[in-house]
Structure formats: C-alpha cells, structure tokens
C-alpha atoms as a PDB file:
ATOM      1  CA  MET A   1     102.165  26.214 -39.622  1.00  0.00           C
ATOM      2  CA  ARG A   2     102.846  26.113 -43.349  1.00  0.00           C
ATOM      3  CA  GLN A   3     100.823  22.849 -43.703  1.00  0.00           C
ATOM      4  CA  PHE A   4      97.913  24.445 -41.834  1.00  0.00           C
ATOM      5  CA  ALA A   5      97.968  27.417 -44.195  1.00  0.00           C
ATOM      6  CA  ILE A   6      97.916  25.118 -47.280  1.00  0.00           C
ATOM      7  CA  LYS A   7      94.958  23.111 -45.949  1.00  0.00           C
ATOM      8  CA  LYS A   8      93.090  26.286 -45.072  1.00  0.00           C
ATOM      9  CA  SER A   9      93.692  27.709 -48.570  1.00  0.00           C
ATOM     10  CA  ALA A  10      92.526  24.494 -50.197  1.00  0.00           C
ATOM     11  CA  SER A  11      89.424  24.477 -48.041  1.00  0.00           C
ATOM     12  CA  LEU A  12      88.622  28.049 -49.033  1.00  0.00           C
ATOM     13  CA  LEU A  13      89.164  27.282 -52.748  1.00  0.00           C
ATOM     14  CA  LEU A  14      87.006  24.161 -52.542  1.00  0.00           C
ATOM     15  CA  SER A  15      84.162  25.959 -50.830  1.00  0.00           C
ATOM     16  CA  SER A  16      84.264  28.700 -53.422  1.00  0.00           C
ATOM     17  CA  GLY A  17      84.464  26.266 -56.338  1.00  0.00           C
ATOM     18  CA  LEU A  18      87.660  27.805 -57.639  1.00  0.00           C
ATOM     19  CA  LEU A  19      89.814  24.749 -57.084  1.00  0.00           C
ATOM     20  CA  SER A  20      87.413  22.367 -58.785  1.00  0.00           C
ATOM     21  CA  ALA A  21      86.972  24.791 -61.673  1.00  0.00           C
ATOM     22  CA  SER A  22      90.707  25.156 -62.046  1.00  0.00           C
ATOM     23  CA  LEU A  23      91.059  21.367 -62.274  1.00  0.00           C
ATOM     24  CA  GLY A  24      88.031  20.923 -64.600  1.00  0.00           C
ATOM     25  CA  LEU A  25      86.231  18.711 -62.086  1.00  0.00           C
ATOM     26  CA  SER A  26      82.816  18.921 -60.544  1.00  0.00           C
ATOM     27  CA  THR A  27      82.464  19.489 -56.862  1.00  0.00           C
ATOM     28  CA  ALA A  28      80.727  16.104 -56.515  1.00  0.00           C
ATOM     29  CA  VAL A  29      83.651  14.255 -58.095  1.00  0.00           C
ATOM     30  CA  TRP A  30      86.154  16.077 -55.944  1.00  0.00           C
ATOM     31  CA  ALA A  31      84.113  15.399 -52.895  1.00  0.00           C
ATOM     32  CA  ALA A  32      83.626  11.690 -53.718  1.00  0.00           C
ATOM     33  CA  PRO A  33      86.229  10.562 -56.289  1.00  0.00           C
ATOM     34  CA  CYS A  34      85.319   6.890 -55.701  1.00  0.00           C
ATOM     35  CA  SER A  35      81.548   7.317 -56.009  1.00  0.00           C
ATOM     36  CA  PRO A  36      79.909   4.710 -58.317  1.00  0.00           C
ATOM     37  CA  CYS A  37      77.818   7.593 -59.556  1.00  0.00           C
ATOM     38  CA  SER A  38      80.743   9.612 -60.765  1.00  0.00           C
ATOM     39  CA  PRO A  39      81.038  10.052 -64.537  1.00  0.00           C
ATOM     40  CA  ARG A  40      83.171   7.497 -66.274  1.00  0.00           C
ATOM     41  CA  SER A  41      84.627   7.172 -69.710  1.00  0.00           C
ATOM     42  CA  ARG A  42      82.267   5.311 -72.097  1.00  0.00           C
ATOM     43  CA  THR A  43      84.982   4.397 -74.572  1.00  0.00           C
ATOM     44  CA  ASN A  44      85.326   0.864 -73.243  1.00  0.00           C
ATOM     45  CA  VAL A  45      81.621   0.120 -72.790  1.00  0.00           C
ATOM     46  CA  SER A  46      80.682  -2.689 -75.173  1.00  0.00           C
ATOM     47  CA  ALA A  47      77.660  -2.331 -77.439  1.00  0.00           C
ATOM     48  CA  ASN A  48      74.467  -3.968 -76.273  1.00  0.00           C
ATOM     49  CA  PRO A  49      74.323  -7.428 -77.920  1.00  0.00           C
ATOM     50  CA  CYS A  50      70.554  -7.087 -77.956  1.00  0.00           C
ATOM     51  CA  ALA A  51      70.685  -3.928 -79.999  1.00  0.00           C
ATOM     52  CA  ALA A  52      71.875  -5.732 -83.106  1.00  0.00           C
ATOM     53  CA  LYS A  53      69.422  -6.130 -85.923  1.00  0.00           C
ATOM     54  CA  ASN A  54      66.884  -8.768 -85.007  1.00  0.00           C
ATOM     55  CA  PRO A  55      67.415 -11.792 -87.312  1.00  0.00           C
ATOM     56  CA  CYS A  56      63.707 -12.449 -86.989  1.00  0.00           C
ATOM     57  CA  ALA A  57      62.838  -9.084 -88.442  1.00  0.00           C
ATOM     58  CA  ALA A  58      63.695 -10.304 -91.924  1.00  0.00           C
ATOM     59  CA  LYS A  59      60.834 -10.617 -94.345  1.00  0.00           C
ATOM     60  CA  ASN A  60      58.484 -13.289 -93.119  1.00  0.00           C
ATOM     61  CA  PRO A  61      58.291 -16.078 -95.750  1.00  0.00           C
ATOM     62  CA  CYS A  62      54.736 -16.642 -94.586  1.00  0.00           C
ATOM     63  CA  ALA A  63      53.665 -13.092 -95.351  1.00  0.00           C
ATOM     64  CA  ALA A  64      52.916 -13.905 -98.971  1.00  0.00           C
ATOM     65  CA  ASN A  65      50.065 -16.308 -98.460  1.00  0.00           C
ATOM     66  CA  PRO A  66      48.912 -17.787-101.805  1.00  0.00           C
ATOM     67  CA  CYS A  67      45.625 -18.651-100.150  1.00  0.00           C
ATOM     68  CA  ALA A  68      44.911 -15.130 -98.957  1.00  0.00           C
ATOM     69  CA  ALA A  69      42.546 -14.618-101.864  1.00  0.00           C
ATOM     70  CA  ASN A  70      39.832 -17.187-102.331  1.00  0.00           C
ATOM     71  CA  PRO A  71      40.040 -18.298-106.000  1.00  0.00           C
ATOM     72  CA  CYS A  72      36.294 -18.853-105.942  1.00  0.00           C
ATOM     73  CA  ALA A  73      35.635 -15.312-104.824  1.00  0.00           C
ATOM     74  CA  ALA A  74      36.631 -13.774-108.155  1.00  0.00           C
ATOM     75  CA  SER A  75      33.705 -12.426-110.131  1.00  0.00           C
ATOM     76  CA  ALA A  76      35.179 -11.195-113.422  1.00  0.00           C
ATOM     77  CA  LYS A  77      33.331 -12.314-116.519  1.00  0.00           C
ATOM     78  CA  ILE A  78      34.909 -15.007-118.685  1.00  0.00           C
ATOM     79  CA  ASP A  79      34.622 -15.102-122.448  1.00  0.00           C
ATOM     80  CA  PRO A  80      32.470 -18.170-123.214  1.00  0.00           C
ATOM     81  CA  LYS A  81      34.539 -18.809-126.347  1.00  0.00           C
ATOM     82  CA  LEU A  82      37.473 -19.759-124.138  1.00  0.00           C
ATOM     83  CA  VAL A  83      35.594 -22.611-122.487  1.00  0.00           C
ATOM     84  CA  THR A  84      33.170 -23.757-125.187  1.00  0.00           C
ATOM     85  CA  ARG A  85      33.908 -26.737-127.421  1.00  0.00           C
ATOM     86  CA  PRO A  86      35.157 -25.527-130.794  1.00  0.00           C
ATOM     87  CA  VAL A  87      33.536 -26.541-134.068  1.00  0.00           C
ATOM     88  CA  GLY A  88      34.800 -29.928-135.246  1.00  0.00           C
ATOM     89  CA  TYR A  89      36.113 -30.771-131.783  1.00  0.00           C
ATOM     90  CA  LYS A  90      37.752 -34.194-131.553  1.00  0.00           C
ATOM     91  CA  PRO A  91      39.052 -35.110-128.085  1.00  0.00           C
ATOM     92  CA  TYR A  92      42.251 -37.049-127.504  1.00  0.00           C
ATOM     93  CA  LYS A  93      41.740 -40.819-127.561  1.00  0.00           C
ATOM     94  CA  GLY A  94      43.530 -43.112-125.134  1.00  0.00           C
ATOM     95  CA  GLY A  95      43.106 -46.018-122.765  1.00  0.00           C
ATOM     96  CA  LYS A  96      40.572 -45.302-120.018  1.00  0.00           C
ATOM     97  CA  ALA A  97      42.727 -46.610-117.154  1.00  0.00           C
ATOM     98  CA  ASP A  98      45.804 -44.730-118.343  1.00  0.00           C
ATOM     99  CA  LEU A  99      43.882 -41.504-118.792  1.00  0.00           C
ATOM    100  CA  GLU A 100      42.292 -41.796-115.342  1.00  0.00           C
ATOM    101  CA  LYS A 101      45.675 -42.386-113.725  1.00  0.00           C
ATOM    102  CA  TYR A 102      47.268 -39.464-115.525  1.00  0.00           C
ATOM    103  CA  GLY A 103      44.223 -37.347-114.813  1.00  0.00           C
ATOM    104  CA  GLU A 104      44.569 -37.970-111.076  1.00  0.00           C
ATOM    105  CA  GLU A 105      48.166 -36.768-111.209  1.00  0.00           C
ATOM    106  CA  LEU A 106      47.133 -33.610-113.033  1.00  0.00           C
ATOM    107  CA  PHE A 107      44.214 -33.111-110.652  1.00  0.00           C
ATOM    108  CA  LYS A 108      46.701 -32.675-107.804  1.00  0.00           C
ATOM    109  CA  ASN A 109      49.292 -30.706-109.741  1.00  0.00           C
ATOM    110  CA  PRO A 110      49.352 -26.956-108.917  1.00  0.00           C
ATOM    111  CA  LYS A 111      51.717 -26.323-111.832  1.00  0.00           C
ATOM    112  CA  LEU A 112      48.718 -26.256-114.157  1.00  0.00           C
ATOM    113  CA  SER A 113      47.718 -22.954-112.566  1.00  0.00           C
ATOM    114  CA  THR A 114      49.405 -19.586-112.215  1.00  0.00           C
ATOM    115  CA  ASN A 115      48.358 -19.070-108.599  1.00  0.00           C
ATOM    116  CA  GLY A 116      49.413 -22.294-106.893  1.00  0.00           C
ATOM    117  CA  VAL A 117      45.893 -23.725-106.932  1.00  0.00           C
ATOM    118  CA  SER A 118      45.178 -27.233-108.187  1.00  0.00           C
ATOM    119  CA  CYS A 119      41.873 -29.021-108.769  1.00  0.00           C
ATOM    120  CA  PHE A 120      42.593 -30.896-105.550  1.00  0.00           C
ATOM    121  CA  THR A 121      42.901 -27.634-103.614  1.00  0.00           C
ATOM    122  CA  CYS A 122      39.159 -27.093-103.871  1.00  0.00           C
ATOM    123  CA  HIS A 123      37.898 -30.627-104.401  1.00  0.00           C
ATOM    124  CA  GLN A 124      39.844 -32.825-102.009  1.00  0.00           C
ATOM    125  CA  GLY A 125      37.499 -35.311-100.409  1.00  0.00           C
ATOM    126  CA  ASN A 126      34.804 -34.384-102.955  1.00  0.00           C
ATOM    127  CA  ASN A 127      34.504 -30.948-101.351  1.00  0.00           C
ATOM    128  CA  LEU A 128      32.994 -27.939-103.076  1.00  0.00           C
ATOM    129  CA  TYR A 129      31.096 -29.813-105.754  1.00  0.00           C
ATOM    130  CA  GLN A 130      27.568 -28.595-106.268  1.00  0.00           C
ATOM    131  CA  PRO A 131      24.731 -31.130-105.992  1.00  0.00           C
ATOM    132  CA  THR A 132      24.319 -30.865-109.763  1.00  0.00           C
ATOM    133  CA  PHE A 133      27.748 -32.472-110.174  1.00  0.00           C
ATOM    134  CA  ALA A 134      26.001 -35.813-109.707  1.00  0.00           C
ATOM    135  CA  LYS A 135      23.885 -35.221-112.807  1.00  0.00           C
ATOM    136  CA  PRO A 136      24.988 -36.418-116.262  1.00  0.00           C
ATOM    137  CA  TYR A 137      26.736 -33.795-118.380  1.00  0.00           C
ATOM    138  CA  PRO A 138      25.851 -31.495-120.026  1.00  0.00           C
ATOM    139  CA  HIS A 139      23.963 -29.718-117.269  1.00  0.00           C
ATOM    140  CA  LYS A 140      23.564 -26.298-115.713  1.00  0.00           C
ATOM    141  CA  VAL A 141      26.337 -25.006-113.433  1.00  0.00           C
ATOM    142  CA  ALA A 142      25.660 -21.827-111.505  1.00  0.00           C
ATOM    143  CA  MET A 143      29.228 -20.524-111.801  1.00  0.00           C
ATOM    144  CA  THR A 144      29.334 -20.812-115.587  1.00  0.00           C
ATOM    145  CA  VAL A 145      25.932 -19.153-115.855  1.00  0.00           C
ATOM    146  CA  ASP A 146      27.025 -16.254-113.676  1.00  0.00           C
ATOM    147  CA  ARG A 147      30.383 -15.646-115.284  1.00  0.00           C
ATOM    148  CA  SER A 148      30.000 -16.810-118.891  1.00  0.00           C
ATOM    149  CA  ASN A 149      26.238 -16.901-119.382  1.00  0.00           C
ATOM    150  CA  LEU A 150      26.461 -20.564-120.379  1.00  0.00           C
ATOM    151  CA  LYS A 151      23.174 -22.306-119.634  1.00  0.00           C
ATOM    152  CA  LYS A 152      24.760 -25.751-119.573  1.00  0.00           C
ATOM    153  CA  VAL A 153      28.231 -27.237-120.031  1.00  0.00           C
ATOM    154  CA  TYR A 154      29.916 -30.527-120.842  1.00  0.00           C
ATOM    155  CA  LEU A 155      32.412 -31.938-118.370  1.00  0.00           C
ATOM    156  CA  ASP A 156      35.435 -31.022-120.496  1.00  0.00           C
ATOM    157  CA  GLU A 157      34.046 -27.475-120.816  1.00  0.00           C
ATOM    158  CA  MET A 158      33.695 -27.296-117.038  1.00  0.00           C
ATOM    159  CA  ILE A 159      37.335 -28.310-116.676  1.00  0.00           C
ATOM    160  CA  GLN A 160      38.358 -25.587-119.101  1.00  0.00           C
ATOM    161  CA  PHE A 161      36.300 -23.102-117.096  1.00  0.00           C
ATOM    162  CA  CYS A 162      38.116 -24.094-113.902  1.00  0.00           C
ATOM    163  CA  MET A 163      41.437 -23.697-115.671  1.00  0.00           C
ATOM    164  CA  VAL A 164      40.556 -20.115-116.567  1.00  0.00           C
ATOM    165  CA  ALA A 165      38.694 -19.070-113.415  1.00  0.00           C
ATOM    166  CA  PRO A 166      39.893 -20.526-110.098  1.00  0.00           C
ATOM    167  CA  MET A 167      43.280 -21.573-111.480  1.00  0.00           C
ATOM    168  CA  ALA A 168      43.903 -18.330-113.394  1.00  0.00           C
ATOM    169  CA  ALA A 169      45.497 -20.105-116.363  1.00  0.00           C
ATOM    170  CA  GLN A 170      44.895 -20.539-120.059  1.00  0.00           C
ATOM    171  CA  PRO A 171      42.512 -23.292-121.191  1.00  0.00           C
ATOM    172  CA  LEU A 172      44.123 -26.569-122.204  1.00  0.00           C
ATOM    173  CA  LYS A 173      44.347 -27.493-125.868  1.00  0.00           C
ATOM    174  CA  TRP A 174      41.089 -29.135-126.834  1.00  0.00           C
ATOM    175  CA  ASP A 175      42.779 -32.124-128.423  1.00  0.00           C
ATOM    176  CA  SER A 176      45.363 -32.504-125.647  1.00  0.00           C
ATOM    177  CA  LYS A 177      45.967 -35.609-123.584  1.00  0.00           C
ATOM    178  CA  GLU A 178      45.840 -33.416-120.468  1.00  0.00           C
ATOM    179  CA  LEU A 179      42.251 -32.324-121.080  1.00  0.00           C
ATOM    180  CA  ALA A 180      41.188 -35.875-121.927  1.00  0.00           C
ATOM    181  CA  ALA A 181      42.902 -37.197-118.792  1.00  0.00           C
ATOM    182  CA  LEU A 182      41.345 -34.647-116.445  1.00  0.00           C
ATOM    183  CA  THR A 183      37.952 -35.304-118.012  1.00  0.00           C
ATOM    184  CA  ALA A 184      38.339 -39.066-117.560  1.00  0.00           C
ATOM    185  CA  TYR A 185      39.451 -38.791-113.944  1.00  0.00           C
ATOM    186  CA  THR A 186      36.729 -36.282-113.022  1.00  0.00           C
ATOM    187  CA  ALA A 187      34.124 -38.565-114.590  1.00  0.00           C
ATOM    188  CA  LYS A 188      35.450 -41.331-112.347  1.00  0.00           C
ATOM    189  CA  VAL A 189      35.153 -39.091-109.288  1.00  0.00           C
ATOM    190  CA  GLN A 190      31.628 -38.165-110.320  1.00  0.00           C
ATOM    191  CA  LYS A 191      30.520 -41.781-110.041  1.00  0.00           C
ATOM    192  CA  THR A 192      31.288 -41.871-106.311  1.00  0.00           C
ATOM    193  CA  PHE A 193      29.982 -38.390-105.542  1.00  0.00           C
ATOM    194  CA  LYS A 194      26.981 -38.097-103.239  1.00  0.00           C
ATOM    195  CA  PRO A 195      25.434 -34.631-103.184  1.00  0.00           C
ATOM    196  CA  ASN A 196      25.015 -32.857 -99.863  1.00  0.00           C
ATOM    197  CA  PRO A 197      21.446 -31.524 -99.637  1.00  0.00           C
ATOM    198  CA  CYS A 198      22.721 -28.705 -97.440  1.00  0.00           C
ATOM    199  CA  ALA A 199      25.395 -27.571 -99.871  1.00  0.00           C
ATOM    200  CA  ALA A 200      25.071 -24.099-101.292  1.00  0.00           C
ATOM    201  CA  ASN A 201      27.568 -22.008-103.191  1.00  0.00           C
ATOM    202  CA  PRO A 202      30.743 -24.120-103.469  1.00  0.00           C
ATOM    203  CA  CYS A 203      32.767 -20.988-102.877  1.00  0.00           C
ATOM    204  CA  ALA A 204      30.876 -20.207 -99.701  1.00  0.00           C
ATOM    205  CA  ALA A 205      31.961 -23.429 -98.081  1.00  0.00           C
ATOM    206  CA  LYS A 206      34.997 -23.520 -95.903  1.00  0.00           C
ATOM    207  CA  ASN A 207      37.807 -22.078 -97.951  1.00  0.00           C
ATOM    208  CA  PRO A 208      40.440 -24.791 -98.539  1.00  0.00           C
ATOM    209  CA  CYS A 209      42.991 -22.028 -98.182  1.00  0.00           C
ATOM    210  CA  ALA A 210      41.712 -21.307 -94.707  1.00  0.00           C
ATOM    211  CA  ALA A 211      43.002 -24.612 -93.417  1.00  0.00           C
ATOM    212  CA  LYS A 212      45.608 -24.331 -90.745  1.00  0.00           C
ATOM    213  CA  ASN A 213      48.297 -22.182 -92.226  1.00  0.00           C
ATOM    214  CA  PRO A 214      51.740 -23.749 -91.710  1.00  0.00           C
ATOM    215  CA  CYS A 215      52.980 -20.210 -91.336  1.00  0.00           C
ATOM    216  CA  SER A 216      50.611 -19.492 -88.473  1.00  0.00           C
ATOM    217  CA  ALA A 217      52.357 -21.949 -86.201  1.00  0.00           C
ATOM    218  CA  LYS A 218      54.267 -20.467 -83.338  1.00  0.00           C
ATOM    219  CA  ASN A 219      56.824 -18.220 -84.899  1.00  0.00           C
ATOM    220  CA  PRO A 220      60.307 -19.371 -83.865  1.00  0.00           C
ATOM    221  CA  CYS A 221      61.210 -15.712 -83.775  1.00  0.00           C
ATOM    222  CA  ALA A 222      58.358 -15.043 -81.370  1.00  0.00           C
ATOM    223  CA  ALA A 223      59.888 -17.225 -78.708  1.00  0.00           C
ATOM    224  CA  LYS A 224      61.088 -15.433 -75.639  1.00  0.00           C
ATOM    225  CA  ASN A 225      63.787 -13.133 -76.852  1.00  0.00           C
ATOM    226  CA  PRO A 226      67.011 -13.837 -74.927  1.00  0.00           C
ATOM    227  CA  CYS A 227      67.598 -10.125 -75.123  1.00  0.00           C
ATOM    228  CA  ALA A 228      64.172  -9.432 -73.646  1.00  0.00           C
ATOM    229  CA  ALA A 229      65.058 -11.061 -70.364  1.00  0.00           C
ATOM    230  CA  LYS A 230      65.496  -8.758 -67.430  1.00  0.00           C
ATOM    231  CA  ASN A 231      68.116  -6.338 -68.588  1.00  0.00           C
ATOM    232  CA  PRO A 232      70.949  -6.290 -66.061  1.00  0.00           C
ATOM    233  CA  CYS A 233      71.432  -2.684 -67.042  1.00  0.00           C
ATOM    234  CA  GLY A 234      67.780  -1.953 -66.409  1.00  0.00           C
ATOM    235  CA  ALA A 235      67.981  -2.692 -62.712  1.00  0.00           C
ATOM    236  CA  LYS A 236      67.298   0.194 -60.424  1.00  0.00           C
ATOM    237  CA  ASN A 237      70.220   2.528 -60.763  1.00  0.00           C
ATOM    238  CA  PRO A 238      71.734   3.052 -57.306  1.00  0.00           C
ATOM    239  CA  CYS A 239      72.724   6.489 -58.511  1.00  0.00           C
ATOM    240  CA  ALA A 240      69.152   7.299 -59.483  1.00  0.00           C
ATOM    241  CA  ALA A 241      67.887   6.891 -55.959  1.00  0.00           C
ATOM    242  CA  LYS A 242      66.163   9.859 -54.573  1.00  0.00           C
END
C-alpha cells in the first residue's frame, strides 16, 4: 500500500512537472534518460581537425607575378640624354668573339634590370623585333620616337633605351665592357634576323610574360580537401527528424 502511494505521488509530480523541476531535469530527459537526443556534456568533444587554419591559406607565392605588367606597355617619356651617345664617346674595345659570348650571357641575365626582365624575356627566338631591326644602324625605331623623340638611333643607343624602358634600370656606362658586349651580341643576332611582314607593334605581340605561368598549374592546396569529404558529423541527425 505504501509502495502504491509513492508511485502515485511520483506520477502526479511528473505529470505536473514538479518532480523534474525539483531535480533540474527536463521532462524529455526524465522520460527517456537513454535517448541519443538527450543533452550531453560537450567538455570531452574534440575540436574539429578541419577547423584548424588552412595551411594553404598562407600567402600564395604566385600572387606577386613579375609578368603581370607588360614592360612594353609603359608609356612614360624618357629623357633622350640618357640614351644618346655622349660627346667624345669611345666604346670599350675587346675581342669580337669574347664580347659576343659575354654579351649572350648578359642578354639572358635578368639581374641587369630592376623588374626581373632580361633582353631574352622579350627577344627569345628573335621575337618582338620590329622589321626595321634588319636594317643597318642608325635607323628609325618607333619606340624611341614615341618616348624620346629620337628620329634614329645607333644599336648601342637602342640597348641603352631598353635598359631604361622595358628593364626599368639605369643606362650602362658608355665605356663599359657590358655595353660593348651587348652591342656585339645583338649585332650578331641581327645578322640572322628575318623580318616578319605581318609584325606590328613589338609590344602588341604575344606578351612573353603571358606564357604558361608556373604558378597557374593546379594548386596543390586546391586538391580535394581531406576535410571537405563528407563530414561524418554532417550526416542527417537522427534527433533532427521530424
């Protein structure tokens, strides 16, 4: 009889919510203490390994593309005094073969510039030479006319112009071995040059910087993110069912 009275009292308290309130529990928990949907302590839940800072989010080394700006696209005027032979000019004298060899090395050396551009960047494979390049120097060059108002230039003056314009550097010393070597090598290249009758503005041709960018290859960080796989926690929550 006493047990019946206790059960009846508990039933009345449960139905009224007083028992669950007195114990600090919800009715649902009391009713189903083993339910997978019942609240649980989160203190032991490990952090999501995918939530850590993405190592691929670091600054992309390919973001600073030195070829993003076409060196030929610049249009600022250049002081003709910088690229014109000085009075009493006496070029460096040396053996032709030695100068040509050294000149070829310099032709491919981007360290002569301040922007990572070398002579070879624009002129590999005899690219980007105007048809007038085949003519004996001095002759008219459209770029020097446009930017320095020079009606005609010598080959060494043209090299100095390229140093200042596309390569964004200071002109070489007029009596330097470097200028003599680049002049000798370019003269050698000129002998094998065959003008393209369809060539127009050398800067309008395919930009050498537009060649396949090594940074544009498939980004290793773009590969399928192991954390992006189907999240085991993202499966349909059995507790969220209608």
